[in-house]
Amino acid sequence: MSTPAPAIPLPTTAPLSVAMRDGSRAEHEAAESSAFMATLLDGGIEPSGYAAYLRRLRRVYEALERVGRACAADPLVAAVHDPAIERLGAIDTDLEHWAAGPGATDLDEPVDSPAVDAYVARIEAAGAWGGAYVAHHYTRYLGDLSGGQAIGRVLERHYDLDGAGVAFYEFPAVPKPKPYKDGYRSRLDALDLSEEEVARVVAEVQEAFRLNQALFLELDAELGLSRA
């Protein structure tokens, strides 16, 4: 049975960045409520479990960065596209750390993940309209520059990493995330979109968070985790 398409929100006159944030608040909170993330932040995920997460993220970011390069000339995509914040190389660096040791999974082995398959397909489809791609870029990268920074610090502390295995959360080209994020939001707000197009972008942000939630739920099941 096919999943019904998410409802498109009513048109809004709010700035695009505000509409994206406020219009996806419920989906954002739901995506963050996974047992995997709660256990990770408590220091309870085994290295192999975190490697399973990174391998999923690798496919997501490979698609996101590939589609971004292909569509970089689109005026909407150009507003946010920035090779300096791409994450694929950082993920590969972290995988070398987390997937090492006895029982490690071959990094070249394909990831069997229906959740990631659906996520990648949605990102690839977003290449048809720059506004949809912007929604996915915003959901991932602005999250990495916001809550992702706190996650990186918690991992450092709980897993005694001494700088290893957290390259994903480090942005050498962005020494101060706040000014970068402020500029990012300003560029979003300057985009010439109709109210209906803003609503389409918000709907795609909602879907991006749902896809992230599905990824976490899949990890919860694979690792035998549950919320208390």
Protein backbone atom coordinates (compact mmCIF):
# COMPACT_ATOMS: atom_id res chain seq x y z
CA MET A 1 0.00 0.00 0.00
CA SER A 2 1.47 3.36 -1.01
CA THR A 3 2.02 6.10 1.54
CA PRO A 4 -0.18 9.14 0.92
CA ALA A 5 1.65 12.33 0.01
CA PRO A 6 2.00 14.79 2.89
CA ALA A 7 -0.51 17.60 2.93
CA ILE A 8 0.84 20.88 1.61
CA PRO A 9 0.50 23.60 4.27
CA LEU A 10 -1.63 26.62 3.65
CA PRO A 11 0.16 29.58 2.04
CA THR A 12 2.06 31.79 4.45
CA THR A 13 3.39 35.33 4.43
CA ALA A 14 6.17 34.57 6.94
CA PRO A 15 9.81 34.79 5.76
CA LEU A 16 10.86 31.51 4.19
CA SER A 17 13.31 30.57 6.95
CA VAL A 18 10.66 31.17 9.62
CA ALA A 19 8.04 29.22 7.67
CA MET A 20 10.46 26.31 7.26
CA ARG A 21 11.31 26.25 10.97
CA ASP A 22 7.83 26.76 12.38
CA GLY A 23 6.04 24.69 9.77
CA SER A 24 8.17 21.61 10.48
CA ARG A 25 8.42 21.87 14.25
CA ALA A 26 6.30 18.78 14.99
CA GLU A 27 8.14 16.63 12.44
CA HIS A 28 11.50 17.89 13.72
CA GLU A 29 10.67 16.96 17.31
CA ALA A 30 9.39 13.54 16.24
CA ALA A 31 12.61 12.83 14.32
CA GLU A 32 14.70 13.71 17.38
CA SER A 33 12.75 11.40 19.71
CA SER A 34 14.28 8.11 18.55
CA ALA A 35 15.65 5.56 21.00
CA PHE A 36 18.84 5.49 18.94
CA MET A 37 19.57 9.17 19.49
CA ALA A 38 18.64 9.03 23.18
CA THR A 39 20.92 6.01 23.70
CA LEU A 40 23.74 7.59 21.69
CA LEU A 41 23.63 10.74 23.81
CA ASP A 42 23.78 8.55 26.94
CA GLY A 43 26.90 6.82 25.63
CA GLY A 44 25.13 3.49 25.17
CA ILE A 45 25.61 2.78 21.46
CA GLU A 46 28.32 0.30 20.51
CA PRO A 47 30.84 1.43 17.87
CA SER A 48 29.28 -0.97 15.36
CA GLY A 49 25.89 0.66 15.94
CA TYR A 50 27.24 4.13 15.35
CA ALA A 51 29.02 2.86 12.24
CA ALA A 52 25.64 1.56 11.01
CA TYR A 53 24.29 5.09 11.43
CA LEU A 54 27.22 6.67 9.61
CA ARG A 55 26.92 4.24 6.72
CA ARG A 56 23.31 5.30 6.29
CA LEU A 57 24.25 8.97 6.50
CA ARG A 58 26.94 8.40 3.90
CA ARG A 59 24.37 7.41 1.29
CA VAL A 60 22.15 10.36 2.20
CA TYR A 61 24.98 12.89 1.88
CA GLU A 62 26.36 11.30 -1.27
CA ALA A 63 22.97 11.88 -2.90
CA LEU A 64 22.57 15.36 -1.42
CA GLU A 65 26.00 16.51 -2.58
CA ARG A 66 25.75 14.84 -5.98
CA VAL A 67 22.37 16.43 -6.72
CA GLY A 68 23.58 19.77 -5.36
CA ARG A 69 26.52 19.83 -7.76
CA ALA A 70 24.30 18.86 -10.68
CA CYS A 71 21.82 21.65 -9.87
CA ALA A 72 24.25 24.30 -8.63
CA ALA A 73 23.35 26.68 -11.49
CA ASP A 74 19.70 26.78 -10.38
CA PRO A 75 19.17 30.16 -8.64
CA LEU A 76 17.36 28.53 -5.71
CA VAL A 77 20.03 25.88 -5.19
CA ALA A 78 22.80 28.47 -5.63
CA ALA A 79 21.48 30.36 -2.60
CA VAL A 80 22.49 27.51 -0.27
CA HIS A 81 24.95 25.30 -2.17
CA ASP A 82 28.38 25.48 -0.54
CA PRO A 83 31.05 22.82 -1.16
CA ALA A 84 32.90 24.06 1.94
CA ILE A 85 30.34 22.45 4.25
CA GLU A 86 29.96 19.12 2.45
CA ARG A 87 30.10 16.14 4.80
CA LEU A 88 30.96 13.10 2.71
CA GLY A 89 34.70 13.22 3.32
CA ALA A 90 34.16 13.76 7.05
CA ILE A 91 31.84 10.75 7.22
CA ASP A 92 34.45 8.58 5.53
CA THR A 93 37.05 9.74 8.05
CA ASP A 94 34.74 8.89 10.94
CA LEU A 95 33.86 5.49 9.51
CA GLU A 96 37.53 4.55 9.52
CA HIS A 97 37.45 5.13 13.29
CA TRP A 98 34.06 3.65 14.26
CA ALA A 99 34.10 0.63 11.95
CA ALA A 100 37.60 -0.52 12.93
CA GLY A 101 38.34 -3.47 15.18
CA PRO A 102 37.09 -7.05 15.57
CA GLY A 103 33.82 -7.80 13.83
CA ALA A 104 33.98 -4.61 11.76
CA THR A 105 31.76 -4.44 8.70
CA ASP A 106 33.31 -4.10 5.26
CA LEU A 107 32.79 -0.43 4.39
CA ASP A 108 32.33 -1.33 0.71
CA GLU A 109 29.41 -3.63 1.51
CA PRO A 110 26.09 -2.09 0.33
CA VAL A 111 23.83 -0.79 3.09
CA ASP A 112 20.55 -2.71 3.20
CA SER A 113 18.24 0.09 4.30
CA PRO A 114 14.74 0.67 2.91
CA ALA A 115 14.64 3.92 4.90
CA VAL A 116 17.76 5.21 3.18
CA ASP A 117 16.53 3.98 -0.21
CA ALA A 118 13.41 6.12 0.22
CA TYR A 119 15.44 9.10 1.47
CA VAL A 120 17.88 8.97 -1.44
CA ALA A 121 15.04 8.64 -3.95
CA ARG A 122 13.37 11.74 -2.50
CA ILE A 123 16.59 13.76 -2.69
CA GLU A 124 17.11 12.70 -6.29
CA ALA A 125 13.54 13.70 -7.12
CA ALA A 126 14.18 17.08 -5.50
CA GLY A 127 16.57 17.86 -8.31
CA ALA A 128 13.54 18.59 -10.48
CA TRP A 129 12.81 21.82 -8.56
CA GLY A 130 15.38 23.86 -6.70
CA GLY A 131 12.97 24.70 -3.88
CA ALA A 132 12.64 21.03 -2.96
CA TYR A 133 16.41 20.62 -2.92
CA VAL A 134 16.73 23.67 -0.68
CA ALA A 135 14.38 21.97 1.80
CA HIS A 136 16.65 18.93 2.08
CA HIS A 137 19.83 21.02 2.22
CA TYR A 138 18.37 23.14 5.03
CA THR A 139 17.18 20.11 7.00
CA ARG A 140 20.55 18.40 6.98
CA TYR A 141 23.22 21.10 6.98
CA LEU A 142 21.58 23.68 9.20
CA GLY A 143 20.84 20.86 11.62
CA ASP A 144 24.50 19.82 11.51
CA LEU A 145 25.52 23.39 12.31
CA SER A 146 22.98 23.66 15.13
CA GLY A 147 22.08 20.63 17.28
CA GLY A 148 24.78 18.62 15.58
CA GLN A 149 27.42 20.69 17.32
CA ALA A 150 26.06 19.69 20.74
CA ILE A 151 25.90 16.04 19.68
CA GLY A 152 29.55 16.12 18.68
CA ARG A 153 30.55 17.49 22.09
CA VAL A 154 28.50 14.84 23.91
CA LEU A 155 30.10 12.05 21.84
CA GLU A 156 33.55 13.41 22.66
CA ARG A 157 32.77 13.29 26.36
CA HIS A 158 30.90 9.98 26.61
CA TYR A 159 33.19 7.99 24.32
CA ASP A 160 36.49 9.65 25.33
CA LEU A 161 37.33 10.25 21.68
CA ASP A 162 40.08 12.85 22.02
CA GLY A 163 39.13 14.36 18.66
CA ALA A 164 38.84 11.08 16.73
CA GLY A 165 35.61 9.92 15.09
CA VAL A 166 33.73 13.25 15.19
CA ALA A 167 34.84 14.90 11.94
CA PHE A 168 31.19 14.88 10.84
CA TYR A 169 30.43 17.55 13.44
CA GLU A 170 33.46 19.71 12.63
CA PHE A 171 33.30 22.51 10.06
CA PRO A 172 36.80 23.94 9.53
CA ALA A 173 35.42 26.43 7.00
CA VAL A 174 32.83 27.70 9.49
CA PRO A 175 34.69 28.78 12.63
CA LYS A 176 31.59 30.58 13.94
CA PRO A 177 28.33 28.76 13.07
CA LYS A 178 25.96 31.56 14.11
CA PRO A 179 27.04 34.16 11.51
CA TYR A 180 27.02 31.45 8.86
CA LYS A 181 23.52 30.33 9.82
CA ASP A 182 22.29 33.92 9.93
CA GLY A 183 23.61 34.49 6.42
CA TYR A 184 22.07 31.22 5.24
CA ARG A 185 18.66 32.24 6.56
CA SER A 186 18.98 35.68 5.01
CA ARG A 187 19.64 34.10 1.62
CA LEU A 188 16.60 31.89 2.05
CA ASP A 189 14.43 34.88 2.91
CA ALA A 190 15.68 36.75 -0.15
CA LEU A 191 14.48 34.06 -2.55
CA ASP A 192 11.68 35.23 -4.82
CA LEU A 193 9.04 32.58 -4.06
CA SER A 194 5.29 32.82 -4.20
CA GLU A 195 3.20 31.87 -1.17
CA GLU A 196 2.36 28.59 -2.85
CA GLU A 197 6.04 27.86 -3.49
CA VAL A 198 6.89 28.64 0.13
CA ALA A 199 4.22 26.14 1.13
CA ARG A 200 5.80 23.53 -1.17
CA VAL A 201 9.20 24.09 0.43
CA VAL A 202 7.72 23.73 3.92
CA ALA A 203 6.00 20.51 2.91
CA GLU A 204 9.31 19.14 1.64
CA VAL A 205 11.05 20.06 4.91
CA GLN A 206 8.32 18.15 6.75
CA GLU A 207 8.93 15.15 4.51
CA ALA A 208 12.69 15.39 5.03
CA PHE A 209 12.21 15.15 8.79
CA ARG A 210 9.85 12.19 8.33
CA LEU A 211 12.52 10.45 6.28
CA ASN A 212 15.06 11.11 9.03
CA GLN A 213 12.63 9.70 11.58
CA ALA A 214 12.21 6.55 9.47
CA LEU A 215 15.99 6.15 9.37
CA PHE A 216 16.18 6.34 13.16
CA LEU A 217 13.26 3.94 13.64
CA GLU A 218 15.02 1.47 11.36
CA LEU A 219 18.15 1.74 13.50
CA ASP A 220 16.06 1.32 16.66
CA ALA A 221 14.73 -1.98 15.30
CA GLU A 222 18.09 -3.18 13.97
CA LEU A 223 19.88 -2.49 17.26
CA GLY A 224 17.06 -3.69 19.50
CA LEU A 225 16.47 -0.29 21.10
CA SER A 226 13.29 1.12 22.59
CA ARG A 227 12.24 4.27 24.40
CA ALA A 228 11.81 3.80 28.15
